[in-house]
Amino acid sequence: MTEHARQYQSPISPGISWYEATVGARPEYAPLDGNAWADVAIIGGGFTGLSAAAHLAKAGTNVVLIDQHRFGDGASGRNGGQLGTGQRAWAEEYEAELGFTRAKALFDLAEEAKAHLLEFAETNGIDIDYRPGQMSVVHKKRYLKDYQAHPALMAERFGYPHISYMDADETARRLGSTHYLGGIRDTGTGHIHPLKLVVGTARVAAAAGAGLHENTPATKIESSGGKVRITTPRGTITAAKALIAVNAYGGNLEEKSAAHIMPIGSFIGATVPLGDDSPVLPGGESVDDSRFVVRYFRKSADGRLLFGGREIYSTGDPKGIADHIRRQIAEVYPALKDVEITHQWGGYVGITMPRKPYVREVMPNVISAGGYSGHGVMLSNFMGKLYAETVAGNRDRLKLFEELRIPAFPGGRALRAPLMFLALNWYALRDRL
C-alpha cells in the first residue's frame, strides 16, 4: 500500500487580481459532504484538472474533482495569460538534447495544444479575450545572435513560419520603448484572460456531469487493492484511477511530486487604463524578455498594462508588490514611473529543474502532472486532454512527457528551497551583468 497524508499550502493572495475583478459571474461549487465513488478522482481545480474533468465527463466517465480553494485561485487563474509557442525551451534546444524526432513530436503536441485551447473556447462559447501576437525581446547583446537565427530554424526545421526577427528600431516601435535591443515577433500565438478560461471550463465539466467541489482539501491519498482513496475533511472519494493536478500547490500531499516540483512566487500589477493615445504596445502583443528571471507584460482589453516580473523563491507572503512592479515598469517605460497600480496579486508557479513538465505515475493508478515552469497556460490545459486519452486506453502521447528526464531538486525537503534561492538569485544577478 502507498499512502501519503499531508496538507496543501495556501495561495499567495496579497490582493484582488484584475482577472477576478473582470471575470464576471463566477459560479460556486459546494464542498464535498459525504463519501463519493467515481471512475476517476481529480485533485486540483486549475487548468489541468478541469480540462481532464471536462473531457472525461463528455466521454461518459464518472468524475469527481476537488480543490482546496476556489477554482482558479492558484496559478491557473492568476498567471500572465500568455500562450507562447512550443515547450518552455526553444525547439532547437530540445533537438540538441533529445534529437530531432522527439523534439519535433513535442513541438507538434504544443502546437496542437494551442489550437485545442482556442477551439475548445470557441466551441463551448467561452469568451477568453484572446488577442493575437507575442514578442520575445532581448535585454543583453550576447543573446541577439540566437534570436536572429531562431526564425529560420523554426520555419525550416519545425514547419513554423510565424516568427520574424525584429531589429532595435522595430522592437522600439512595437514596444513603445527603447529599453530592449531586438527580439522576435510571433504572429501564430497570443494571450488570454486565464480566469475566464478556468470558469468556462468548469461550466463545461459540470454540464457534462462531472462532480465538482471547491473548498475541499485532500488530506490523504492512498492506493491499494486496485482502488484509490482520497480523504477529505468531510468524506472519502473511492475511485479506480486518480489524477493529481495541483502543480505548485501540493505541499507534501504526495512525496514524489513534491521532490520534483518547486513553488516559485510570481507577481503581477495592473495599471490604470493608459488611454487610446498611449504609445505602449500599439499592436496589442504580449511580451516576455530574455532574463532568466523573466519579465512579462501585455495590455488588457481595457487598456491597462499588466506587468509581471517580481519573483520570490520561498513560500512567505510578499511585501510591497506595487512598488517593486512600478520600478520594473519604469525601467521599460520611464514615462510610467508614477503610474497608479490598481490591482496587485501573485501566486505560485511550479517549476522543475530542467523546466520541463513533470508527469509520472506516482503510485498505482495515480498520475501526477505539473511543473509547467511558467509555460502552462496552453500545456496544462492540453495535459488534461492527454490524461483523458490515457484513461480511454491511449497513453502514447502522454508518454512523450512521462519519458522526459526530470531529476529531483537537490537537498531534500529541508535544503532544496535555500539551495534554489541561492541558485536563482545568482541567475538574477547574471541578468543584470
Protein backbone atom coordinates (compact mmCIF):
# COMPACT_ATOMS: atom_id res chain seq x y z
CA MET A 1 0.00 0.00 0.00
CA THR A 2 1.20 3.51 -0.83
CA GLU A 3 -0.08 6.29 1.40
CA HIS A 4 0.56 9.97 1.93
CA ALA A 5 -1.15 12.27 4.46
CA ARG A 6 -0.30 15.96 4.18
CA GLN A 7 -1.70 19.49 3.88
CA TYR A 8 -1.68 21.86 0.93
CA GLN A 9 -0.03 25.26 1.15
CA SER A 10 -2.20 28.33 0.88
CA PRO A 11 -2.05 30.51 -2.21
CA ILE A 12 -0.34 33.87 -2.12
CA SER A 13 -3.20 36.34 -2.10
CA PRO A 14 -1.94 39.89 -1.46
CA GLY A 15 -4.85 41.46 -3.33
CA ILE A 16 -7.71 41.01 -5.74
CA SER A 17 -6.40 40.38 -9.23
CA TRP A 18 -7.59 42.29 -12.27
CA TYR A 19 -8.80 38.91 -13.53
CA GLU A 20 -11.07 38.44 -10.51
CA ALA A 21 -12.39 41.97 -10.88
CA THR A 22 -13.34 41.44 -14.53
CA VAL A 23 -14.26 37.76 -14.86
CA GLY A 24 -17.98 38.33 -14.42
CA ALA A 25 -20.16 35.63 -12.87
CA ARG A 26 -18.09 33.02 -11.07
CA PRO A 27 -20.25 30.05 -10.05
CA GLU A 28 -19.57 28.40 -6.72
CA TYR A 29 -19.39 24.64 -6.28
CA ALA A 30 -20.33 23.11 -2.95
CA PRO A 31 -17.71 21.35 -0.83
CA LEU A 32 -17.79 17.56 -0.82
CA ASP A 33 -20.07 16.43 2.01
CA GLY A 34 -20.01 12.66 2.50
CA ASN A 35 -18.39 9.78 0.66
CA ALA A 36 -18.22 9.56 -3.14
CA TRP A 37 -17.39 6.91 -5.72
CA ALA A 38 -16.00 7.56 -9.18
CA ASP A 39 -14.21 6.06 -12.14
CA VAL A 40 -11.67 8.90 -11.86
CA ALA A 41 -10.92 11.25 -8.96
CA ILE A 42 -9.09 14.50 -9.64
CA ILE A 43 -7.29 16.67 -7.08
CA GLY A 44 -6.89 20.23 -8.34
CA GLY A 45 -9.34 22.63 -9.99
CA GLY A 46 -6.97 24.50 -12.26
CA PHE A 47 -6.37 24.16 -15.99
CA THR A 48 -5.17 20.53 -15.94
CA GLY A 49 -7.78 19.15 -13.57
CA LEU A 50 -10.77 20.94 -15.05
CA SER A 51 -9.73 20.12 -18.61
CA ALA A 52 -9.39 16.46 -17.68
CA ALA A 53 -12.77 16.51 -15.94
CA ALA A 54 -14.47 18.11 -18.95
CA HIS A 55 -13.05 15.65 -21.46
CA LEU A 56 -13.65 12.61 -19.24
CA ALA A 57 -17.21 13.60 -18.38
CA LYS A 58 -18.04 14.27 -22.03
CA ALA A 59 -16.86 10.73 -22.79
CA GLY A 60 -19.22 9.31 -20.17
CA THR A 61 -16.68 8.76 -17.39
CA ASN A 62 -17.86 9.26 -13.80
CA VAL A 63 -15.57 12.00 -12.45
CA VAL A 64 -15.26 13.67 -9.05
CA LEU A 65 -12.94 16.69 -8.77
CA ILE A 66 -11.95 18.55 -5.61
CA ASP A 67 -9.96 21.71 -4.94
CA GLN A 68 -8.86 23.09 -1.59
CA HIS A 69 -9.93 26.65 -2.55
CA ARG A 70 -11.97 28.21 -5.37
CA PHE A 71 -11.26 27.04 -8.90
CA GLY A 72 -8.58 29.31 -10.37
CA ASP A 73 -7.28 30.61 -7.04
CA GLY A 74 -3.90 29.07 -7.89
CA ALA A 75 -1.66 29.76 -10.87
CA SER A 76 -4.34 28.89 -13.44
CA GLY A 77 -6.40 31.96 -12.59
CA ARG A 78 -3.60 34.36 -11.67
CA ASN A 79 -0.91 33.97 -14.37
CA GLY A 80 0.37 36.17 -17.17
CA GLY A 81 -2.10 34.79 -19.72
CA GLN A 82 0.48 34.27 -22.46
CA LEU A 83 0.17 31.15 -24.64
CA GLY A 84 3.65 31.06 -26.14
CA THR A 85 4.75 28.59 -28.81
CA GLY A 86 6.27 25.16 -28.28
CA GLN A 87 7.59 24.00 -24.94
CA ARG A 88 9.29 26.09 -22.24
CA ALA A 89 12.65 25.96 -24.06
CA TRP A 90 13.06 26.63 -27.76
CA ALA A 91 12.61 23.69 -30.12
CA GLU A 92 16.26 23.73 -31.22
CA GLU A 93 17.32 23.30 -27.58
CA TYR A 94 15.10 20.23 -27.32
CA GLU A 95 16.59 18.93 -30.57
CA ALA A 96 20.13 19.27 -29.21
CA GLU A 97 19.16 17.31 -26.10
CA LEU A 98 16.59 14.79 -27.36
CA GLY A 99 17.17 14.53 -31.09
CA PHE A 100 15.01 15.86 -33.89
CA THR A 101 12.28 13.18 -33.80
CA ARG A 102 11.37 13.67 -30.15
CA ALA A 103 11.83 17.44 -30.31
CA LYS A 104 9.50 17.66 -33.31
CA ALA A 105 6.92 15.42 -31.62
CA LEU A 106 6.93 17.64 -28.53
CA PHE A 107 6.69 20.78 -30.64
CA ASP A 108 3.79 19.35 -32.63
CA LEU A 109 1.98 18.47 -29.40
CA ALA A 110 2.44 22.05 -28.19
CA GLU A 111 1.04 23.39 -31.46
CA GLU A 112 -1.94 21.06 -31.11
CA ALA A 113 -2.33 22.30 -27.53
CA LYS A 114 -2.53 25.89 -28.76
CA ALA A 115 -5.12 25.06 -31.42
CA HIS A 116 -7.09 22.91 -28.98
CA LEU A 117 -7.33 25.67 -26.37
CA LEU A 118 -8.71 28.18 -28.86
CA GLU A 119 -11.07 25.64 -30.43
CA PHE A 120 -12.31 24.46 -27.02
CA ALA A 121 -13.11 28.04 -26.01
CA GLU A 122 -14.88 28.80 -29.29
CA THR A 123 -16.85 25.54 -29.41
CA ASN A 124 -18.05 25.95 -25.84
CA GLY A 125 -18.81 29.68 -26.02
CA ILE A 126 -16.08 30.76 -23.60
CA ASP A 127 -15.02 34.37 -24.17
CA ILE A 128 -11.35 34.31 -23.18
CA ASP A 129 -10.43 37.79 -24.52
CA TYR A 130 -7.96 36.27 -26.98
CA ARG A 131 -5.63 38.78 -28.61
CA PRO A 132 -3.02 37.69 -31.19
CA GLY A 133 0.71 38.32 -31.16
CA GLN A 134 3.65 37.79 -28.83
CA MET A 135 7.13 39.31 -28.74
CA SER A 136 10.21 37.93 -27.02
CA VAL A 137 12.73 40.71 -26.53
CA VAL A 138 16.45 40.84 -25.77
CA HIS A 139 17.97 42.68 -22.83
CA LYS A 140 21.64 41.72 -23.44
CA LYS A 141 23.64 41.97 -26.67
CA ARG A 142 25.08 38.46 -26.23
CA TYR A 143 21.65 36.93 -26.91
CA LEU A 144 20.99 38.67 -30.23
CA LYS A 145 22.69 36.07 -32.43
CA ASP A 146 20.43 33.28 -31.15
CA TYR A 147 17.33 35.40 -31.66
CA GLN A 148 18.41 36.28 -35.21
CA ALA A 149 18.85 32.60 -36.10
CA HIS A 150 15.66 31.35 -34.43
CA PRO A 151 13.00 32.30 -37.04
CA ALA A 152 14.70 30.44 -39.91
CA LEU A 153 15.27 27.37 -37.75
CA MET A 154 11.62 27.30 -36.77
CA ALA A 155 10.43 27.67 -40.36
CA GLU A 156 12.86 25.20 -41.92
CA ARG A 157 13.22 22.54 -39.21
CA PHE A 158 9.86 22.66 -37.46
CA GLY A 159 7.48 23.96 -40.11
CA TYR A 160 6.53 27.07 -38.12
CA PRO A 161 6.71 30.19 -40.34
CA HIS A 162 5.09 32.69 -37.97
CA ILE A 163 8.21 34.09 -36.26
CA SER A 164 10.22 37.05 -37.55
CA TYR A 165 13.27 38.85 -36.20
CA MET A 166 12.97 42.48 -35.09
CA ASP A 167 15.94 44.82 -35.05
CA ALA A 168 16.26 47.51 -32.40
CA ASP A 169 14.22 50.06 -34.34
CA GLU A 170 11.29 47.70 -34.99
CA THR A 171 11.40 46.47 -31.41
CA ALA A 172 11.22 50.04 -30.10
CA ARG A 173 8.34 50.85 -32.43
CA ARG A 174 6.30 47.80 -31.49
CA LEU A 175 7.03 48.10 -27.74
CA GLY A 176 6.81 51.87 -27.48
CA SER A 177 10.13 51.67 -25.63
CA THR A 178 13.86 51.75 -26.47
CA HIS A 179 14.75 49.59 -23.47
CA TYR A 180 15.40 46.38 -25.43
CA LEU A 181 17.95 45.65 -28.16
CA GLY A 182 15.90 43.49 -30.53
CA GLY A 183 13.76 40.39 -30.44
CA ILE A 184 11.34 38.14 -32.27
CA ARG A 185 7.65 38.54 -33.07
CA ASP A 186 5.33 35.54 -33.21
CA THR A 187 2.04 36.07 -35.05
CA GLY A 188 0.94 32.47 -34.52
CA THR A 189 0.13 32.81 -30.84
CA GLY A 190 -1.35 35.34 -28.42
CA HIS A 191 -2.70 35.93 -24.92
CA ILE A 192 -5.92 35.41 -22.98
CA HIS A 193 -7.87 36.18 -19.80
CA PRO A 194 -6.94 32.99 -17.89
CA LEU A 195 -9.62 33.11 -15.21
CA LYS A 196 -12.35 33.30 -17.85
CA LEU A 197 -10.98 30.06 -19.27
CA VAL A 198 -11.00 28.44 -15.81
CA VAL A 199 -14.59 29.49 -15.13
CA GLY A 200 -15.72 28.40 -18.58
CA THR A 201 -14.00 25.02 -18.42
CA ALA A 202 -15.60 24.33 -15.03
CA ARG A 203 -19.01 25.10 -16.53
CA VAL A 204 -18.36 22.67 -19.40
CA ALA A 205 -17.27 19.93 -16.99
CA ALA A 206 -20.26 20.44 -14.70
CA ALA A 207 -22.69 20.46 -17.64
CA ALA A 208 -21.20 17.17 -18.84
CA GLY A 209 -21.89 15.59 -15.45
CA ALA A 210 -18.59 15.90 -13.56
CA GLY A 211 -18.92 16.25 -9.79
CA LEU A 212 -17.07 19.45 -8.90
CA HIS A 213 -16.29 20.52 -5.34
CA GLU A 214 -14.49 23.66 -4.17
CA ASN A 215 -13.12 24.31 -0.66
CA THR A 216 -12.39 20.60 -0.26
CA PRO A 217 -8.74 19.83 0.57
CA ALA A 218 -7.31 16.36 0.14
CA THR A 219 -5.65 15.32 3.37
CA LYS A 220 -4.57 11.83 2.33
CA ILE A 221 -4.23 9.78 -0.84
CA GLU A 222 -3.63 6.03 -0.83
CA SER A 223 -3.65 3.32 -3.48
CA SER A 224 -4.18 -0.35 -2.67
CA GLY A 225 -6.16 -3.33 -3.93
CA GLY A 226 -6.81 -1.69 -7.29
CA LYS A 227 -8.55 1.28 -5.69
CA VAL A 228 -7.51 4.83 -4.95
CA ARG A 229 -8.86 6.52 -1.84
CA ILE A 230 -8.70 10.25 -1.23
CA THR A 231 -9.58 11.51 2.23
CA THR A 232 -11.12 14.96 2.74
CA PRO A 233 -12.36 16.64 5.92
CA ARG A 234 -15.99 15.54 5.31
CA GLY A 235 -15.77 12.38 3.24
CA THR A 236 -13.69 9.88 1.28
CA ILE A 237 -13.57 9.51 -2.51
CA THR A 238 -13.01 5.98 -3.80
CA ALA A 239 -12.02 5.67 -7.45
CA ALA A 240 -10.40 3.32 -9.94
CA LYS A 241 -7.91 6.00 -11.02
CA ALA A 242 -6.78 9.42 -9.88
CA LEU A 243 -5.08 12.49 -11.29
CA ILE A 244 -3.07 14.81 -9.05
CA ALA A 245 -3.19 18.21 -10.77
CA VAL A 246 -2.16 20.63 -8.05
CA ASN A 247 1.12 21.78 -9.65
CA ALA A 248 2.88 24.11 -7.15
CA TYR A 249 0.12 23.79 -4.56
CA GLY A 250 0.61 20.19 -3.48
CA GLY A 251 2.72 20.81 -0.43
CA ASN A 252 3.55 17.35 0.86
CA LEU A 253 0.36 15.67 -0.34
CA GLU A 254 2.41 13.28 -2.49
CA GLU A 255 6.15 12.99 -1.92
CA LYS A 256 7.42 12.20 -5.43
CA SER A 257 5.75 15.23 -6.96
CA ALA A 258 6.91 17.43 -4.08
CA ALA A 259 10.52 16.35 -4.68
CA HIS A 260 10.37 17.32 -8.35
CA ILE A 261 8.15 20.44 -8.41
CA MET A 262 9.27 23.62 -6.66
CA PRO A 263 6.87 26.52 -5.93
CA ILE A 264 8.06 29.97 -7.01
CA GLY A 265 6.06 33.09 -6.21
CA SER A 266 5.41 35.32 -9.21
CA PHE A 267 3.68 38.70 -9.05
CA ILE A 268 1.73 40.98 -11.38
CA GLY A 269 0.50 44.55 -11.19
CA ALA A 270 -2.24 46.17 -13.30
CA THR A 271 -2.10 49.89 -14.02
CA VAL A 272 -4.92 52.30 -14.63
CA PRO A 273 -6.08 52.32 -18.29
CA LEU A 274 -3.35 54.05 -20.29
CA GLY A 275 -5.69 55.64 -22.84
CA ASP A 276 -6.08 55.32 -26.59
CA ASP A 277 -3.19 57.70 -27.26
CA SER A 278 -0.65 55.65 -25.27
CA PRO A 279 2.46 54.57 -27.24
CA VAL A 280 2.73 51.38 -25.14
CA LEU A 281 2.30 48.20 -27.23
CA PRO A 282 0.32 49.76 -30.10
CA GLY A 283 -0.18 46.35 -31.75
CA GLY A 284 -1.53 44.71 -28.60
CA GLU A 285 1.04 41.89 -28.43
CA SER A 286 2.15 40.24 -25.21
CA VAL A 287 5.85 40.40 -24.29
CA ASP A 288 8.41 38.30 -22.45
CA ASP A 289 12.09 39.12 -22.17
CA SER A 290 15.38 37.23 -22.21
CA ARG A 291 16.06 37.38 -18.50
CA PHE A 292 16.32 34.07 -16.66
CA VAL A 293 14.08 35.72 -14.07
CA VAL A 294 11.75 36.68 -16.87
CA ARG A 295 9.66 39.84 -17.07
CA TYR A 296 6.38 39.58 -18.94
CA PHE A 297 3.76 42.16 -19.80
CA ARG A 298 0.83 42.97 -22.07
CA LYS A 299 -2.15 45.30 -22.37
CA SER A 300 -5.55 44.19 -21.21
CA ALA A 301 -8.76 44.54 -23.19
CA ASP A 302 -9.50 47.79 -21.30
CA GLY A 303 -6.06 49.29 -21.97
CA ARG A 304 -4.22 48.57 -18.71
CA LEU A 305 -0.61 47.44 -18.62
CA LEU A 306 -0.42 44.06 -16.89
CA PHE A 307 3.21 43.70 -15.82
CA GLY A 308 4.75 40.66 -14.11
CA GLY A 309 8.30 40.28 -13.01
CA ARG A 310 8.98 40.24 -9.31
CA GLU A 311 9.64 36.71 -8.05
CA ILE A 312 10.38 35.19 -4.67
CA TYR A 313 11.85 31.76 -4.01
CA SER A 314 10.10 30.94 -0.79
CA THR A 315 6.55 30.39 0.44
CA GLY A 316 6.35 33.57 2.51
CA ASP A 317 3.94 36.36 1.63
CA PRO A 318 5.50 39.18 -0.43
CA LYS A 319 5.72 42.76 0.70
CA GLY A 320 5.42 45.90 -1.38
CA ILE A 321 4.44 44.29 -4.67
CA ALA A 322 3.21 47.54 -6.24
CA ASP A 323 6.43 49.42 -5.54
CA HIS A 324 8.60 46.65 -6.97
CA ILE A 325 6.43 46.24 -10.07
CA ARG A 326 6.27 50.01 -10.65
CA ARG A 327 10.09 50.23 -10.57
CA GLN A 328 10.32 47.48 -13.19
CA ILE A 329 7.70 49.19 -15.35
CA ALA A 330 9.71 52.44 -15.14
CA GLU A 331 12.81 50.67 -16.48
CA VAL A 332 10.91 49.82 -19.67
CA TYR A 333 8.56 52.82 -19.77
CA PRO A 334 10.13 55.77 -17.89
CA ALA A 335 7.05 57.94 -18.51
CA LEU A 336 5.07 55.50 -16.32
CA LYS A 337 7.35 55.84 -13.27
CA ASP A 338 4.47 57.24 -11.21
CA VAL A 339 1.65 55.24 -12.80
CA GLU A 340 -1.10 54.13 -10.46
CA ILE A 341 -1.23 50.38 -9.79
CA THR A 342 -4.89 49.49 -9.28
CA HIS A 343 -4.51 45.73 -8.76
CA GLN A 344 -1.61 43.68 -7.42
CA TRP A 345 -1.53 39.94 -6.99
CA GLY A 346 0.61 36.84 -7.04
CA GLY A 347 0.59 33.09 -7.00
CA TYR A 348 2.88 30.09 -7.13
CA VAL A 349 4.31 28.76 -10.39
CA GLY A 350 5.50 25.15 -10.33
CA ILE A 351 8.98 24.68 -11.81
CA THR A 352 11.19 21.64 -12.33
CA MET A 353 14.98 21.50 -12.51
CA PRO A 354 15.10 21.27 -16.36
CA ARG A 355 11.99 23.48 -16.87
CA LYS A 356 10.06 20.58 -18.41
CA PRO A 357 6.68 19.26 -17.18
CA TYR A 358 6.72 16.55 -14.54
CA VAL A 359 4.30 13.75 -15.48
CA ARG A 360 4.59 10.41 -13.67
CA GLU A 361 2.57 7.53 -12.29
CA VAL A 362 3.49 8.22 -8.68
CA MET A 363 1.62 5.26 -7.20
CA PRO A 364 -0.55 2.52 -8.74
CA ASN A 365 -3.36 4.08 -10.84
CA VAL A 366 -2.34 7.62 -9.78
CA ILE A 367 -0.75 10.04 -12.25
CA SER A 368 0.63 13.41 -11.23
CA ALA A 369 1.08 16.26 -13.72
CA GLY A 370 2.62 19.68 -13.10
CA GLY A 371 5.84 21.67 -13.17
CA TYR A 372 4.97 23.64 -16.30
CA SER A 373 7.63 26.19 -15.36
CA GLY A 374 5.83 29.32 -16.48
CA HIS A 375 4.61 27.84 -19.77
CA GLY A 376 1.43 26.25 -18.55
CA VAL A 377 -1.49 28.21 -19.99
CA MET A 378 -1.81 26.02 -23.05
CA LEU A 379 0.28 22.99 -21.97
CA SER A 380 -1.61 22.38 -18.73
CA ASN A 381 -4.99 22.54 -20.45
CA PHE A 382 -3.82 20.06 -23.05
CA MET A 383 -2.35 17.79 -20.39
CA GLY A 384 -5.89 17.30 -19.11
CA LYS A 385 -6.95 16.14 -22.56
CA LEU A 386 -3.96 13.77 -22.79
CA TYR A 387 -4.87 12.33 -19.39
CA ALA A 388 -8.42 11.70 -20.60
CA GLU A 389 -6.94 9.90 -23.62
CA THR A 390 -4.89 7.77 -21.23
CA VAL A 391 -7.97 6.76 -19.24
CA ALA A 392 -9.61 5.79 -22.55
CA GLY A 393 -6.68 3.48 -23.32
CA ASN A 394 -4.27 5.58 -25.39
CA ARG A 395 -1.22 6.56 -23.33
CA ASP A 396 1.18 7.09 -26.25
CA ARG A 397 1.02 10.88 -26.31
CA LEU A 398 1.13 11.36 -22.54
CA LYS A 399 4.23 9.12 -22.54
CA LEU A 400 6.13 11.74 -24.51
CA PHE A 401 6.05 13.77 -21.28
CA GLU A 402 6.39 10.81 -18.92
CA GLU A 403 9.66 9.85 -20.63
CA LEU A 404 11.30 13.25 -20.11
CA ARG A 405 14.18 13.16 -17.66
CA ILE A 406 13.19 15.24 -14.62
CA PRO A 407 15.68 15.00 -11.72
CA ALA A 408 14.58 15.80 -8.20
CA PHE A 409 15.71 19.05 -6.65
CA PRO A 410 18.89 18.60 -4.60
CA GLY A 411 18.93 18.94 -0.86
CA GLY A 412 15.74 17.11 0.03
CA ARG A 413 12.81 18.85 1.69
CA ALA A 414 14.98 20.73 4.20
CA LEU A 415 17.64 22.21 1.89
CA ARG A 416 16.11 22.44 -1.58
CA ALA A 417 14.44 25.83 -1.02
CA PRO A 418 17.61 27.54 0.33
CA LEU A 419 19.71 26.00 -2.45
CA MET A 420 17.22 27.12 -5.10
CA PHE A 421 17.11 30.59 -3.55
CA LEU A 422 20.88 30.87 -3.93
CA ALA A 423 20.91 29.49 -7.46
CA LEU A 424 18.09 31.64 -8.80
CA ASN A 425 19.41 34.77 -7.17
CA TRP A 426 22.72 34.06 -8.91
CA TYR A 427 20.80 33.94 -12.20
CA ALA A 428 19.04 37.19 -11.28
CA LEU A 429 22.46 38.79 -10.72
CA ARG A 430 23.65 37.37 -14.07
CA ASP A 431 20.65 39.01 -15.75
CA ARG A 432 21.99 42.38 -14.59
CA LEU A 433 25.61 41.82 -15.69
